[in-house]
PDB file of all heavy atoms in Angstrom:
ATOM      1  N   GLY A   1      29.259  54.401   4.147  1.00  0.00           N
ATOM      2  CA  GLY A   1      30.704  54.587   4.040  1.00  0.00           C
ATOM      3  C   GLY A   1      31.500  54.140   5.243  1.00  0.00           C
ATOM      4  O   GLY A   1      32.718  54.338   5.289  1.00  0.00           O
ATOM      5  N   GLN A   2      30.842  53.549   6.223  1.00  0.00           N
ATOM      6  CA  GLN A   2      31.545  53.117   7.423  1.00  0.00           C
ATOM      7  C   GLN A   2      32.048  51.687   7.266  1.00  0.00           C
ATOM      8  O   GLN A   2      31.558  50.933   6.440  1.00  0.00           O
ATOM      9  CB  GLN A   2      30.623  53.226   8.637  1.00  0.00           C
ATOM     10  CG  GLN A   2      30.151  54.651   8.915  1.00  0.00           C
ATOM     11  CD  GLN A   2      29.190  54.718  10.088  1.00  0.00           C
ATOM     12  OE1 GLN A   2      28.864  53.703  10.704  1.00  0.00           O
ATOM     13  NE2 GLN A   2      28.725  55.919  10.404  1.00  0.00           N
ATOM     14  N   GLY A   3      33.064  51.349   8.088  1.00  0.00           N
ATOM     15  CA  GLY A   3      33.614  50.004   8.052  1.00  0.00           C
ATOM     16  C   GLY A   3      34.801  49.906   7.114  1.00  0.00           C
ATOM     17  O   GLY A   3      34.989  50.731   6.209  1.00  0.00           O
ATOM     18  N   THR A   4      35.607  48.898   7.323  1.00  0.00           N
ATOM     19  CA  THR A   4      36.789  48.687   6.485  1.00  0.00           C
ATOM     20  C   THR A   4      36.370  48.182   5.106  1.00  0.00           C
ATOM     21  O   THR A   4      35.235  47.728   4.899  1.00  0.00           O
ATOM     22  CB  THR A   4      37.724  47.666   7.135  1.00  0.00           C
ATOM     23  OG1 THR A   4      37.063  46.395   7.197  1.00  0.00           O
ATOM     24  CG2 THR A   4      38.123  48.112   8.547  1.00  0.00           C
ATOM     25  N   GLU A   5      37.291  48.251   4.175  1.00  0.00           N
ATOM     26  CA  GLU A   5      37.005  47.792   2.827  1.00  0.00           C
ATOM     27  C   GLU A   5      36.748  46.287   2.805  1.00  0.00           C
ATOM     28  O   GLU A   5      35.919  45.802   2.025  1.00  0.00           O
ATOM     29  CB  GLU A   5      38.170  48.138   1.903  1.00  0.00           C
ATOM     30  CG  GLU A   5      37.889  47.903   0.434  1.00  0.00           C
ATOM     31  CD  GLU A   5      36.703  48.715  -0.088  1.00  0.00           C
ATOM     32  OE1 GLU A   5      36.392  49.790   0.495  1.00  0.00           O
ATOM     33  OE2 GLU A   5      36.070  48.266  -1.056  1.00  0.00           O
ATOM     34  N   ILE A   6      37.439  45.554   3.667  1.00  0.00           N
ATOM     35  CA  ILE A   6      37.208  44.104   3.751  1.00  0.00           C
ATOM     36  C   ILE A   6      35.786  43.824   4.227  1.00  0.00           C
ATOM     37  O   ILE A   6      35.099  42.943   3.707  1.00  0.00           O
ATOM     38  CB  ILE A   6      38.225  43.453   4.710  1.00  0.00           C
ATOM     39  CG1 ILE A   6      39.640  43.563   4.132  1.00  0.00           C
ATOM     40  CG2 ILE A   6      37.861  41.986   4.956  1.00  0.00           C
ATOM     41  CD1 ILE A   6      40.710  43.000   5.025  1.00  0.00           C
ATOM     42  N   PHE A   7      35.334  44.612   5.226  1.00  0.00           N
ATOM     43  CA  PHE A   7      33.970  44.458   5.729  1.00  0.00           C
ATOM     44  C   PHE A   7      32.952  44.751   4.637  1.00  0.00           C
ATOM     45  O   PHE A   7      31.978  44.023   4.461  1.00  0.00           O
ATOM     46  CB  PHE A   7      33.748  45.380   6.927  1.00  0.00           C
ATOM     47  CG  PHE A   7      32.310  45.431   7.384  1.00  0.00           C
ATOM     48  CD1 PHE A   7      31.771  44.395   8.129  1.00  0.00           C
ATOM     49  CD2 PHE A   7      31.496  46.521   7.049  1.00  0.00           C
ATOM     50  CE1 PHE A   7      30.445  44.445   8.559  1.00  0.00           C
ATOM     51  CE2 PHE A   7      30.174  46.563   7.463  1.00  0.00           C
ATOM     52  CZ  PHE A   7      29.654  45.522   8.223  1.00  0.00           C
ATOM     53  N   ARG A   8      33.175  45.826   3.873  1.00  0.00           N
ATOM     54  CA  ARG A   8      32.240  46.219   2.825  1.00  0.00           C
ATOM     55  C   ARG A   8      32.213  45.185   1.704  1.00  0.00           C
ATOM     56  O   ARG A   8      31.153  44.883   1.152  1.00  0.00           O
ATOM     57  CB  ARG A   8      32.598  47.604   2.283  1.00  0.00           C
ATOM     58  CG  ARG A   8      32.537  48.701   3.346  1.00  0.00           C
ATOM     59  CD  ARG A   8      32.827  50.087   2.788  1.00  0.00           C
ATOM     60  NE  ARG A   8      31.689  50.578   2.032  1.00  0.00           N
ATOM     61  CZ  ARG A   8      31.659  50.709   0.707  1.00  0.00           C
ATOM     62  NH1 ARG A   8      32.712  50.349  -0.016  1.00  0.00           N
ATOM     63  NH2 ARG A   8      30.586  51.178   0.095  1.00  0.00           N
ATOM     64  N   LYS A   9      33.380  44.630   1.359  1.00  0.00           N
ATOM     65  CA  LYS A   9      33.407  43.579   0.341  1.00  0.00           C
ATOM     66  C   LYS A   9      32.666  42.334   0.816  1.00  0.00           C
ATOM     67  O   LYS A   9      31.929  41.701   0.054  1.00  0.00           O
ATOM     68  CB  LYS A   9      34.853  43.224  -0.011  1.00  0.00           C
ATOM     69  CG  LYS A   9      35.538  44.246  -0.903  1.00  0.00           C
ATOM     70  CD  LYS A   9      36.932  43.772  -1.304  1.00  0.00           C
ATOM     71  CE  LYS A   9      37.587  44.778  -2.254  1.00  0.00           C
ATOM     72  NZ  LYS A   9      38.946  44.351  -2.659  1.00  0.00           N
ATOM     73  N   GLY A  10      32.860  42.001   2.079  1.00  0.00           N
ATOM     74  CA  GLY A  10      32.134  40.859   2.637  1.00  0.00           C
ATOM     75  C   GLY A  10      30.642  41.080   2.624  1.00  0.00           C
ATOM     76  O   GLY A  10      29.850  40.158   2.367  1.00  0.00           O
ATOM     77  N   LEU A  11      30.239  42.333   2.875  1.00  0.00           N
ATOM     78  CA  LEU A  11      28.815  42.663   2.910  1.00  0.00           C
ATOM     79  C   LEU A  11      28.190  42.579   1.524  1.00  0.00           C
ATOM     80  O   LEU A  11      27.076  42.041   1.366  1.00  0.00           O
ATOM     81  CB  LEU A  11      28.637  44.073   3.493  1.00  0.00           C
ATOM     82  CG  LEU A  11      27.278  44.411   4.120  1.00  0.00           C
ATOM     83  CD1 LEU A  11      26.928  43.412   5.224  1.00  0.00           C
ATOM     84  CD2 LEU A  11      27.307  45.832   4.671  1.00  0.00           C
ATOM     85  N   ILE A  12      28.890  43.075   0.500  1.00  0.00           N
ATOM     86  CA  ILE A  12      28.327  43.016  -0.845  1.00  0.00           C
ATOM     87  C   ILE A  12      28.285  41.571  -1.338  1.00  0.00           C
ATOM     88  O   ILE A  12      27.346  41.167  -2.036  1.00  0.00           O
ATOM     89  CB  ILE A  12      29.121  43.916  -1.825  1.00  0.00           C
ATOM     90  CG1 ILE A  12      28.418  43.980  -3.183  1.00  0.00           C
ATOM     91  CG2 ILE A  12      30.543  43.428  -2.013  1.00  0.00           C
ATOM     92  CD1 ILE A  12      27.076  44.626  -3.184  1.00  0.00           C
ATOM     93  N   ILE A  13      29.269  40.784  -0.952  1.00  0.00           N
ATOM     94  CA  ILE A  13      29.249  39.360  -1.312  1.00  0.00           C
ATOM     95  C   ILE A  13      28.078  38.663  -0.637  1.00  0.00           C
ATOM     96  O   ILE A  13      27.371  37.853  -1.255  1.00  0.00           O
ATOM     97  CB  ILE A  13      30.580  38.688  -0.936  1.00  0.00           C
ATOM     98  CG1 ILE A  13      31.709  39.217  -1.832  1.00  0.00           C
ATOM     99  CG2 ILE A  13      30.482  37.167  -1.060  1.00  0.00           C
ATOM    100  CD1 ILE A  13      33.087  38.744  -1.426  1.00  0.00           C
ATOM    101  N   LEU A  14      27.860  38.983   0.636  1.00  0.00           N
ATOM    102  CA  LEU A  14      26.721  38.408   1.364  1.00  0.00           C
ATOM    103  C   LEU A  14      25.412  38.776   0.676  1.00  0.00           C
ATOM    104  O   LEU A  14      24.535  37.916   0.490  1.00  0.00           O
ATOM    105  CB  LEU A  14      26.715  38.913   2.806  1.00  0.00           C
ATOM    106  CG  LEU A  14      25.477  38.521   3.636  1.00  0.00           C
ATOM    107  CD1 LEU A  14      25.434  37.008   3.835  1.00  0.00           C
ATOM    108  CD2 LEU A  14      25.484  39.259   4.979  1.00  0.00           C
ATOM    109  N   GLY A  15      25.277  40.046   0.302  1.00  0.00           N
ATOM    110  CA  GLY A  15      24.062  40.473  -0.379  1.00  0.00           C
ATOM    111  C   GLY A  15      23.841  39.734  -1.682  1.00  0.00           C
ATOM    112  O   GLY A  15      22.724  39.286  -1.978  1.00  0.00           O
ATOM    113  N   ALA A  16      24.913  39.585  -2.466  1.00  0.00           N
ATOM    114  CA  ALA A  16      24.795  38.884  -3.745  1.00  0.00           C
ATOM    115  C   ALA A  16      24.442  37.421  -3.536  1.00  0.00           C
ATOM    116  O   ALA A  16      23.581  36.867  -4.241  1.00  0.00           O
ATOM    117  CB  ALA A  16      26.103  39.015  -4.526  1.00  0.00           C
ATOM    118  N   VAL A  17      25.078  36.783  -2.573  1.00  0.00           N
ATOM    119  CA  VAL A  17      24.844  35.357  -2.312  1.00  0.00           C
ATOM    120  C   VAL A  17      23.402  35.118  -1.880  1.00  0.00           C
ATOM    121  O   VAL A  17      22.726  34.190  -2.364  1.00  0.00           O
ATOM    122  CB  VAL A  17      25.825  34.817  -1.255  1.00  0.00           C
ATOM    123  CG1 VAL A  17      25.397  33.431  -0.774  1.00  0.00           C
ATOM    124  CG2 VAL A  17      27.241  34.764  -1.816  1.00  0.00           C
ATOM    125  N   VAL A  18      22.909  35.949  -0.961  1.00  0.00           N
ATOM    126  CA  VAL A  18      21.538  35.770  -0.469  1.00  0.00           C
ATOM    127  C   VAL A  18      20.534  35.971  -1.600  1.00  0.00           C
ATOM    128  O   VAL A  18      19.586  35.183  -1.766  1.00  0.00           O
ATOM    129  CB  VAL A  18      21.248  36.743   0.695  1.00  0.00           C
ATOM    130  CG1 VAL A  18      19.762  36.731   1.045  1.00  0.00           C
ATOM    131  CG2 VAL A  18      22.081  36.368   1.917  1.00  0.00           C
ATOM    132  N   ASN A  19      20.715  37.017  -2.409  1.00  0.00           N
ATOM    133  CA  ASN A  19      19.786  37.276  -3.511  1.00  0.00           C
ATOM    134  C   ASN A  19      19.825  36.169  -4.556  1.00  0.00           C
ATOM    135  O   ASN A  19      18.775  35.706  -5.021  1.00  0.00           O
ATOM    136  CB  ASN A  19      20.117  38.622  -4.164  1.00  0.00           C
ATOM    137  CG  ASN A  19      19.550  39.799  -3.400  1.00  0.00           C
ATOM    138  OD1 ASN A  19      18.346  40.026  -3.388  1.00  0.00           O
ATOM    139  ND2 ASN A  19      20.417  40.552  -2.753  1.00  0.00           N
ATOM    140  N   LEU A  20      21.029  35.740  -4.911  1.00  0.00           N
ATOM    141  CA  LEU A  20      21.148  34.679  -5.909  1.00  0.00           C
ATOM    142  C   LEU A  20      20.651  33.339  -5.374  1.00  0.00           C
ATOM    143  O   LEU A  20      20.094  32.529  -6.127  1.00  0.00           O
ATOM    144  CB  LEU A  20      22.602  34.559  -6.372  1.00  0.00           C
ATOM    145  CG  LEU A  20      23.125  35.731  -7.211  1.00  0.00           C
ATOM    146  CD1 LEU A  20      24.601  35.552  -7.520  1.00  0.00           C
ATOM    147  CD2 LEU A  20      22.323  35.871  -8.507  1.00  0.00           C
ATOM    148  N   ALA A  21      20.854  33.109  -4.071  1.00  0.00           N
ATOM    149  CA  ALA A  21      20.356  31.869  -3.470  1.00  0.00           C
ATOM    150  C   ALA A  21      18.831  31.837  -3.496  1.00  0.00           C
ATOM    151  O   ALA A  21      18.218  30.796  -3.776  1.00  0.00           O
ATOM    152  CB  ALA A  21      20.869  31.735  -2.040  1.00  0.00           C
ATOM    153  N   LEU A  22      18.227  32.971  -3.197  1.00  0.00           N
ATOM    154  CA  LEU A  22      16.767  33.071  -3.233  1.00  0.00           C
ATOM    155  C   LEU A  22      16.255  32.799  -4.638  1.00  0.00           C
ATOM    156  O   LEU A  22      15.337  31.982  -4.838  1.00  0.00           O
ATOM    157  CB  LEU A  22      16.338  34.465  -2.770  1.00  0.00           C
ATOM    158  CG  LEU A  22      14.830  34.715  -2.664  1.00  0.00           C
ATOM    159  CD1 LEU A  22      14.252  33.961  -1.461  1.00  0.00           C
ATOM    160  CD2 LEU A  22      14.553  36.215  -2.529  1.00  0.00           C
ATOM    161  N   LEU A  23      16.864  33.470  -5.614  1.00  0.00           N
ATOM    162  CA  LEU A  23      16.459  33.275  -7.000  1.00  0.00           C
ATOM    163  C   LEU A  23      16.750  31.846  -7.456  1.00  0.00           C
ATOM    164  O   LEU A  23      15.936  31.211  -8.127  1.00  0.00           O
ATOM    165  CB  LEU A  23      17.203  34.274  -7.894  1.00  0.00           C
ATOM    166  CG  LEU A  23      16.851  34.291  -9.378  1.00  0.00           C
ATOM    167  CD1 LEU A  23      15.387  34.664  -9.574  1.00  0.00           C
ATOM    168  CD2 LEU A  23      17.749  35.267 -10.132  1.00  0.00           C
ATOM    169  N   GLY A  24      17.920  31.333  -7.058  1.00  0.00           N
ATOM    170  CA  GLY A  24      18.311  29.994  -7.465  1.00  0.00           C
ATOM    171  C   GLY A  24      17.389  28.918  -6.934  1.00  0.00           C
ATOM    172  O   GLY A  24      17.031  27.977  -7.650  1.00  0.00           O
ATOM    173  N   TYR A  25      16.969  29.060  -5.676  1.00  0.00           N
ATOM    174  CA  TYR A  25      16.089  28.045  -5.091  1.00  0.00           C
ATOM    175  C   TYR A  25      14.742  28.004  -5.814  1.00  0.00           C
ATOM    176  O   TYR A  25      14.284  26.940  -6.251  1.00  0.00           O
ATOM    177  CB  TYR A  25      15.869  28.317  -3.606  1.00  0.00           C
ATOM    178  CG  TYR A  25      14.803  27.435  -3.002  1.00  0.00           C
ATOM    179  CD1 TYR A  25      15.062  26.093  -2.727  1.00  0.00           C
ATOM    180  CD2 TYR A  25      13.525  27.931  -2.739  1.00  0.00           C
ATOM    181  CE1 TYR A  25      14.073  25.266  -2.198  1.00  0.00           C
ATOM    182  CE2 TYR A  25      12.541  27.113  -2.204  1.00  0.00           C
ATOM    183  CZ  TYR A  25      12.811  25.783  -1.942  1.00  0.00           C
ATOM    184  OH  TYR A  25      11.833  24.976  -1.429  1.00  0.00           O
ATOM    185  N   PHE A  26      14.100  29.143  -5.931  1.00  0.00           N
ATOM    186  CA  PHE A  26      12.761  29.162  -6.498  1.00  0.00           C
ATOM    187  C   PHE A  26      12.758  28.902  -8.002  1.00  0.00           C
ATOM    188  O   PHE A  26      11.816  28.309  -8.527  1.00  0.00           O
ATOM    189  CB  PHE A  26      12.073  30.501  -6.203  1.00  0.00           C
ATOM    190  CG  PHE A  26      11.548  30.617  -4.804  1.00  0.00           C
ATOM    191  CD1 PHE A  26      12.249  31.325  -3.840  1.00  0.00           C
ATOM    192  CD2 PHE A  26      10.373  29.993  -4.443  1.00  0.00           C
ATOM    193  CE1 PHE A  26      11.759  31.431  -2.543  1.00  0.00           C
ATOM    194  CE2 PHE A  26       9.880  30.080  -3.141  1.00  0.00           C
ATOM    195  CZ  PHE A  26      10.593  30.803  -2.193  1.00  0.00           C
ATOM    196  N   LYS A  27      13.809  29.335  -8.694  1.00  0.00           N
ATOM    197  CA  LYS A  27      13.781  29.264 -10.152  1.00  0.00           C
ATOM    198  C   LYS A  27      14.522  28.067 -10.715  1.00  0.00           C
ATOM    199  O   LYS A  27      14.151  27.545 -11.783  1.00  0.00           O
ATOM    200  CB  LYS A  27      14.357  30.560 -10.725  1.00  0.00           C
ATOM    201  CG  LYS A  27      14.018  30.788 -12.191  1.00  0.00           C
ATOM    202  CD  LYS A  27      14.264  32.227 -12.581  1.00  0.00           C
ATOM    203  CE  LYS A  27      13.785  32.488 -14.000  1.00  0.00           C
ATOM    204  NZ  LYS A  27      13.896  33.916 -14.371  1.00  0.00           N
ATOM    205  N   TYR A  28      15.580  27.601 -10.016  1.00  0.00           N
ATOM    206  CA  TYR A  28      16.449  26.610 -10.630  1.00  0.00           C
ATOM    207  C   TYR A  28      16.604  25.310  -9.851  1.00  0.00           C
ATOM    208  O   TYR A  28      17.260  24.390 -10.345  1.00  0.00           O
ATOM    209  CB  TYR A  28      17.838  27.223 -10.866  1.00  0.00           C
ATOM    210  CG  TYR A  28      17.786  28.497 -11.674  1.00  0.00           C
ATOM    211  CD1 TYR A  28      18.014  29.734 -11.076  1.00  0.00           C
ATOM    212  CD2 TYR A  28      17.487  28.468 -13.035  1.00  0.00           C
ATOM    213  CE1 TYR A  28      17.954  30.905 -11.818  1.00  0.00           C
ATOM    214  CE2 TYR A  28      17.421  29.628 -13.782  1.00  0.00           C
ATOM    215  CZ  TYR A  28      17.653  30.857 -13.164  1.00  0.00           C
ATOM    216  OH  TYR A  28      17.586  32.008 -13.896  1.00  0.00           O
ATOM    217  N   ALA A  29      16.035  25.217  -8.659  1.00  0.00           N
ATOM    218  CA  ALA A  29      16.241  24.017  -7.849  1.00  0.00           C
ATOM    219  C   ALA A  29      15.720  22.763  -8.548  1.00  0.00           C
ATOM    220  O   ALA A  29      16.411  21.739  -8.622  1.00  0.00           O
ATOM    221  CB  ALA A  29      15.576  24.187  -6.481  1.00  0.00           C
ATOM    222  N   ASN A  30      14.503  22.817  -9.061  1.00  0.00           N
ATOM    223  CA  ASN A  30      13.944  21.656  -9.761  1.00  0.00           C
ATOM    224  C   ASN A  30      14.772  21.290 -10.989  1.00  0.00           C
ATOM    225  O   ASN A  30      15.028  20.112 -11.255  1.00  0.00           O
ATOM    226  CB  ASN A  30      12.495  21.926 -10.176  1.00  0.00           C
ATOM    227  CG  ASN A  30      11.526  21.928  -9.006  1.00  0.00           C
ATOM    228  OD1 ASN A  30      10.785  22.895  -8.805  1.00  0.00           O
ATOM    229  ND2 ASN A  30      11.528  20.860  -8.216  1.00  0.00           N
ATOM    230  N   PHE A  31      15.193  22.284 -11.730  1.00  0.00           N
ATOM    231  CA  PHE A  31      16.008  22.064 -12.929  1.00  0.00           C
ATOM    232  C   PHE A  31      17.338  21.410 -12.562  1.00  0.00           C
ATOM    233  O   PHE A  31      17.782  20.457 -13.220  1.00  0.00           O
ATOM    234  CB  PHE A  31      16.240  23.405 -13.626  1.00  0.00           C
ATOM    235  CG  PHE A  31      17.139  23.329 -14.830  1.00  0.00           C
ATOM    236  CD1 PHE A  31      16.732  22.687 -15.992  1.00  0.00           C
ATOM    237  CD2 PHE A  31      18.401  23.914 -14.803  1.00  0.00           C
ATOM    238  CE1 PHE A  31      17.561  22.624 -17.105  1.00  0.00           C
ATOM    239  CE2 PHE A  31      19.241  23.854 -15.904  1.00  0.00           C
ATOM    240  CZ  PHE A  31      18.815  23.210 -17.060  1.00  0.00           C
ATOM    241  N   PHE A  32      17.957  21.883 -11.497  1.00  0.00           N
ATOM    242  CA  PHE A  32      19.245  21.332 -11.060  1.00  0.00           C
ATOM    243  C   PHE A  32      19.101  19.872 -10.625  1.00  0.00           C
ATOM    244  O   PHE A  32      19.884  19.007 -11.025  1.00  0.00           O
ATOM    245  CB  PHE A  32      19.802  22.176  -9.916  1.00  0.00           C
ATOM    246  CG  PHE A  32      21.061  21.621  -9.319  1.00  0.00           C
ATOM    247  CD1 PHE A  32      22.288  21.770  -9.962  1.00  0.00           C
ATOM    248  CD2 PHE A  32      21.031  20.932  -8.108  1.00  0.00           C
ATOM    249  CE1 PHE A  32      23.450  21.252  -9.412  1.00  0.00           C
ATOM    250  CE2 PHE A  32      22.182  20.410  -7.553  1.00  0.00           C
ATOM    251  CZ  PHE A  32      23.394  20.564  -8.212  1.00  0.00           C
ATOM    252  N   VAL A  33      18.088  19.578  -9.816  1.00  0.00           N
ATOM    253  CA  VAL A  33      17.892  18.218  -9.320  1.00  0.00           C
ATOM    254  C   VAL A  33      17.561  17.259 -10.469  1.00  0.00           C
ATOM    255  O   VAL A  33      18.089  16.138 -10.532  1.00  0.00           O
ATOM    256  CB  VAL A  33      16.788  18.187  -8.249  1.00  0.00           C
ATOM    257  CG1 VAL A  33      16.410  16.751  -7.891  1.00  0.00           C
ATOM    258  CG2 VAL A  33      17.236  18.937  -6.997  1.00  0.00           C
ATOM    259  N   ASP A  34      16.725  17.694 -11.389  1.00  0.00           N
ATOM    260  CA  ASP A  34      16.359  16.845 -12.524  1.00  0.00           C
ATOM    261  C   ASP A  34      17.584  16.490 -13.365  1.00  0.00           C
ATOM    262  O   ASP A  34      17.761  15.331 -13.783  1.00  0.00           O
ATOM    263  CB  ASP A  34      15.316  17.540 -13.399  1.00  0.00           C
ATOM    264  CG  ASP A  34      13.960  17.646 -12.715  1.00  0.00           C
ATOM    265  OD1 ASP A  34      13.747  16.931 -11.723  1.00  0.00           O
ATOM    266  OD2 ASP A  34      13.127  18.463 -13.171  1.00  0.00           O
ATOM    267  N   ASN A  35      18.439  17.469 -13.619  1.00  0.00           N
ATOM    268  CA  ASN A  35      19.628  17.211 -14.433  1.00  0.00           C
ATOM    269  C   ASN A  35      20.680  16.427 -13.662  1.00  0.00           C
ATOM    270  O   ASN A  35      21.411  15.624 -14.249  1.00  0.00           O
ATOM    271  CB  ASN A  35      20.217  18.533 -14.937  1.00  0.00           C
ATOM    272  CG  ASN A  35      19.448  19.101 -16.116  1.00  0.00           C
ATOM    273  OD1 ASN A  35      19.667  18.722 -17.253  1.00  0.00           O
ATOM    274  ND2 ASN A  35      18.515  19.999 -15.823  1.00  0.00           N
ATOM    275  N   LEU A  36      20.745  16.632 -12.354  1.00  0.00           N
ATOM    276  CA  LEU A  36      21.659  15.850 -11.527  1.00  0.00           C
ATOM    277  C   LEU A  36      21.270  14.377 -11.560  1.00  0.00           C
ATOM    278  O   LEU A  36      22.128  13.491 -11.708  1.00  0.00           O
ATOM    279  CB  LEU A  36      21.642  16.375 -10.090  1.00  0.00           C
ATOM    280  CG  LEU A  36      22.652  15.749  -9.122  1.00  0.00           C
ATOM    281  CD1 LEU A  36      24.074  16.118  -9.534  1.00  0.00           C
ATOM    282  CD2 LEU A  36      22.383  16.212  -7.692  1.00  0.00           C
ATOM    283  N   ASN A  37      19.986  14.111 -11.448  1.00  0.00           N
ATOM    284  CA  ASN A  37      19.504  12.730 -11.520  1.00  0.00           C
ATOM    285  C   ASN A  37      19.781  12.116 -12.891  1.00  0.00           C
ATOM    286  O   ASN A  37      20.125  10.927 -12.998  1.00  0.00           O
ATOM    287  CB  ASN A  37      17.999  12.682 -11.241  1.00  0.00           C
ATOM    288  CG  ASN A  37      17.685  12.960  -9.780  1.00  0.00           C
ATOM    289  OD1 ASN A  37      18.508  12.744  -8.901  1.00  0.00           O
ATOM    290  ND2 ASN A  37      16.483  13.451  -9.521  1.00  0.00           N
ATOM    291  N   LEU A  38      19.643  12.916 -13.933  1.00  0.00           N
ATOM    292  CA  LEU A  38      19.863  12.422 -15.290  1.00  0.00           C
ATOM    293  C   LEU A  38      21.331  12.047 -15.508  1.00  0.00           C
ATOM    294  O   LEU A  38      21.639  11.006 -16.094  1.00  0.00           O
ATOM    295  CB  LEU A  38      19.440  13.487 -16.299  1.00  0.00           C
ATOM    296  CG  LEU A  38      19.546  13.113 -17.781  1.00  0.00           C
ATOM    297  CD1 LEU A  38      18.597  11.963 -18.107  1.00  0.00           C
ATOM    298  CD2 LEU A  38      19.226  14.326 -18.655  1.00  0.00           C
ATOM    299  N   VAL A  39      22.239  12.879 -15.003  1.00  0.00           N
ATOM    300  CA  VAL A  39      23.670  12.656 -15.219  1.00  0.00           C
ATOM    301  C   VAL A  39      24.197  11.533 -14.327  1.00  0.00           C
ATOM    302  O   VAL A  39      24.946  10.657 -14.778  1.00  0.00           O
ATOM    303  CB  VAL A  39      24.463  13.953 -14.971  1.00  0.00           C
ATOM    304  CG1 VAL A  39      25.971  13.684 -14.993  1.00  0.00           C
ATOM    305  CG2 VAL A  39      24.096  15.005 -16.008  1.00  0.00           C
ATOM    306  N   LEU A  40      23.797  11.539 -13.055  1.00  0.00           N
ATOM    307  CA  LEU A  40      24.355  10.584 -12.089  1.00  0.00           C
ATOM    308  C   LEU A  40      23.517   9.321 -11.932  1.00  0.00           C
ATOM    309  O   LEU A  40      23.945   8.366 -11.274  1.00  0.00           O
ATOM    310  CB  LEU A  40      24.513  11.260 -10.718  1.00  0.00           C
ATOM    311  CG  LEU A  40      25.421  12.493 -10.672  1.00  0.00           C
ATOM    312  CD1 LEU A  40      25.488  13.046  -9.252  1.00  0.00           C
ATOM    313  CD2 LEU A  40      26.826  12.157 -11.197  1.00  0.00           C
TER     314      LEU A  40
END
């Protein structure tokens, strides 16, 4: 419960970004690159 509301919002965003980045890299990186190559 400590810290300003802006700090807490920044912290939850950081947590979400790190978790999703971890999941995104291991699970979706190959899929993203393959489709990027196909489109471009």
